[in-house]
Amino acid sequence: MGLLLLSHGAHLLLLTMAGLKQGMPALVDRYDQAFTDPLPQALILTAIVISFGMTSFSLAIAYRTYKFHKTDNLDELRGSNDD
């Protein structure tokens, strides 16, 4: 959950850094008109894909740990010395 919140915060940071731009999309044959910069949109899309991959990897690791140790309690996984 924390990884998702961190990645959403990074997406919002990139979105606000780009700002709201008015203009045409970047077309190759029209150099005289102002156009919006597509780089922030590409960075946000890349960040979304990376965060999806990291989230699915974290869920897979958590699932495998649960299947192997038959618990999701962190104290039992650490093997506390009090027992």
C-alpha atoms as a PDB file:
ATOM      1  CA  MET A   1       0.000   0.000   0.000  1.00  0.00           C
ATOM      2  CA  GLY A   2       2.817   2.386   0.818  1.00  0.00           C
ATOM      3  CA  LEU A   3       4.495   1.658  -2.505  1.00  0.00           C
ATOM      4  CA  LEU A   4       1.284   2.552  -4.333  1.00  0.00           C
ATOM      5  CA  LEU A   5       0.931   5.833  -2.448  1.00  0.00           C
ATOM      6  CA  LEU A   6       4.545   6.717  -3.159  1.00  0.00           C
ATOM      7  CA  SER A   7       4.188   6.002  -6.863  1.00  0.00           C
ATOM      8  CA  HIS A   8       0.932   7.992  -7.113  1.00  0.00           C
ATOM      9  CA  GLY A   9       2.682  10.884  -5.410  1.00  0.00           C
ATOM     10  CA  ALA A  10       5.482  10.704  -7.974  1.00  0.00           C
ATOM     11  CA  HIS A  11       2.930  10.724 -10.802  1.00  0.00           C
ATOM     12  CA  LEU A  12       1.230  13.796  -9.374  1.00  0.00           C
ATOM     13  CA  LEU A  13       4.607  15.496  -8.949  1.00  0.00           C
ATOM     14  CA  LEU A  14       5.482  14.919 -12.592  1.00  0.00           C
ATOM     15  CA  LEU A  15       2.040  16.093 -13.665  1.00  0.00           C
ATOM     16  CA  THR A  16       2.217  19.327 -11.692  1.00  0.00           C
ATOM     17  CA  MET A  17       5.780  20.041 -12.791  1.00  0.00           C
ATOM     18  CA  ALA A  18       4.651  19.880 -16.410  1.00  0.00           C
ATOM     19  CA  GLY A  19       1.943  22.477 -15.842  1.00  0.00           C
ATOM     20  CA  LEU A  20      -1.091  23.096 -17.980  1.00  0.00           C
ATOM     21  CA  LYS A  21      -0.084  23.976 -21.506  1.00  0.00           C
ATOM     22  CA  GLN A  22      -2.368  25.223 -24.243  1.00  0.00           C
ATOM     23  CA  GLY A  23      -1.527  24.506 -27.839  1.00  0.00           C
ATOM     24  CA  MET A  24      -1.550  22.019 -30.654  1.00  0.00           C
ATOM     25  CA  PRO A  25      -0.053  18.536 -30.506  1.00  0.00           C
ATOM     26  CA  ALA A  26       3.445  18.254 -31.920  1.00  0.00           C
ATOM     27  CA  LEU A  27       3.133  17.736 -35.687  1.00  0.00           C
ATOM     28  CA  VAL A  28       6.167  17.357 -37.936  1.00  0.00           C
ATOM     29  CA  ASP A  29       4.971  19.503 -40.818  1.00  0.00           C
ATOM     30  CA  ARG A  30       3.933  22.549 -38.725  1.00  0.00           C
ATOM     31  CA  TYR A  31       6.952  24.170 -37.086  1.00  0.00           C
ATOM     32  CA  ASP A  32       5.565  27.707 -36.883  1.00  0.00           C
ATOM     33  CA  GLN A  33       2.833  26.918 -34.330  1.00  0.00           C
ATOM     34  CA  ALA A  34       3.354  26.518 -30.602  1.00  0.00           C
ATOM     35  CA  PHE A  35       2.883  22.977 -29.391  1.00  0.00           C
ATOM     36  CA  THR A  36       2.765  21.217 -26.054  1.00  0.00           C
ATOM     37  CA  ASP A  37       5.728  19.251 -24.792  1.00  0.00           C
ATOM     38  CA  PRO A  38       5.009  15.482 -24.887  1.00  0.00           C
ATOM     39  CA  LEU A  39       7.923  14.577 -22.580  1.00  0.00           C
ATOM     40  CA  PRO A  40       6.056  14.917 -19.237  1.00  0.00           C
ATOM     41  CA  GLN A  41       3.235  12.739 -20.539  1.00  0.00           C
ATOM     42  CA  ALA A  42       5.733  10.097 -21.637  1.00  0.00           C
ATOM     43  CA  LEU A  43       7.460  10.235 -18.243  1.00  0.00           C
ATOM     44  CA  ILE A  44       4.167   9.783 -16.408  1.00  0.00           C
ATOM     45  CA  LEU A  45       3.217   6.837 -18.608  1.00  0.00           C
ATOM     46  CA  THR A  46       6.620   5.244 -17.994  1.00  0.00           C
ATOM     47  CA  ALA A  47       6.281   5.831 -14.248  1.00  0.00           C
ATOM     48  CA  ILE A  48       2.842   4.194 -14.235  1.00  0.00           C
ATOM     49  CA  VAL A  49       4.205   1.109 -15.986  1.00  0.00           C
ATOM     50  CA  ILE A  50       7.175   0.884 -13.614  1.00  0.00           C
ATOM     51  CA  SER A  51       4.972   1.264 -10.525  1.00  0.00           C
ATOM     52  CA  PHE A  52       2.616  -1.436 -11.821  1.00  0.00           C
ATOM     53  CA  GLY A  53       5.579  -3.768 -12.275  1.00  0.00           C
ATOM     54  CA  MET A  54       6.948  -3.015  -8.814  1.00  0.00           C
ATOM     55  CA  THR A  55       3.532  -3.513  -7.216  1.00  0.00           C
ATOM     56  CA  SER A  56       2.977  -6.854  -8.926  1.00  0.00           C
ATOM     57  CA  PHE A  57       6.506  -7.970  -7.970  1.00  0.00           C
ATOM     58  CA  SER A  58       5.909  -6.998  -4.331  1.00  0.00           C
ATOM     59  CA  LEU A  59       2.609  -8.872  -4.275  1.00  0.00           C
ATOM     60  CA  ALA A  60       4.271 -11.940  -5.798  1.00  0.00           C
ATOM     61  CA  ILE A  61       7.031 -11.861  -3.163  1.00  0.00           C
ATOM     62  CA  ALA A  62       4.452 -11.496  -0.367  1.00  0.00           C
ATOM     63  CA  TYR A  63       2.406 -14.392  -1.765  1.00  0.00           C
ATOM     64  CA  ARG A  64       5.445 -16.670  -2.068  1.00  0.00           C
ATOM     65  CA  THR A  65       6.530 -15.792   1.474  1.00  0.00           C
ATOM     66  CA  TYR A  66       3.075 -16.645   2.786  1.00  0.00           C
ATOM     67  CA  LYS A  67       2.990 -19.953   0.892  1.00  0.00           C
ATOM     68  CA  PHE A  68       6.480 -20.951   2.079  1.00  0.00           C
ATOM     69  CA  HIS A  69       6.215 -19.924   5.753  1.00  0.00           C
ATOM     70  CA  LYS A  70       2.425 -20.425   6.175  1.00  0.00           C
ATOM     71  CA  THR A  71       2.145 -17.051   7.944  1.00  0.00           C
ATOM     72  CA  ASP A  72       2.187 -13.348   7.237  1.00  0.00           C
ATOM     73  CA  ASN A  73       2.999 -12.275  10.785  1.00  0.00           C
ATOM     74  CA  LEU A  74       6.278 -10.350  10.801  1.00  0.00           C
ATOM     75  CA  ASP A  75       7.200 -11.439  14.332  1.00  0.00           C
ATOM     76  CA  GLU A  76       6.945 -15.091  13.318  1.00  0.00           C
ATOM     77  CA  LEU A  77       8.875 -14.469  10.118  1.00  0.00           C
ATOM     78  CA  ARG A  78      11.689 -12.753  12.037  1.00  0.00           C
ATOM     79  CA  GLY A  79      11.917 -15.665  14.449  1.00  0.00           C
ATOM     80  CA  SER A  80      11.800 -13.759  17.725  1.00  0.00           C
ATOM     81  CA  ASN A  81      14.065 -15.121  20.460  1.00  0.00           C
ATOM     82  CA  ASP A  82      11.399 -14.876  23.188  1.00  0.00           C
ATOM     83  CA  ASP A  83       9.795 -18.222  22.247  1.00  0.00           C
END
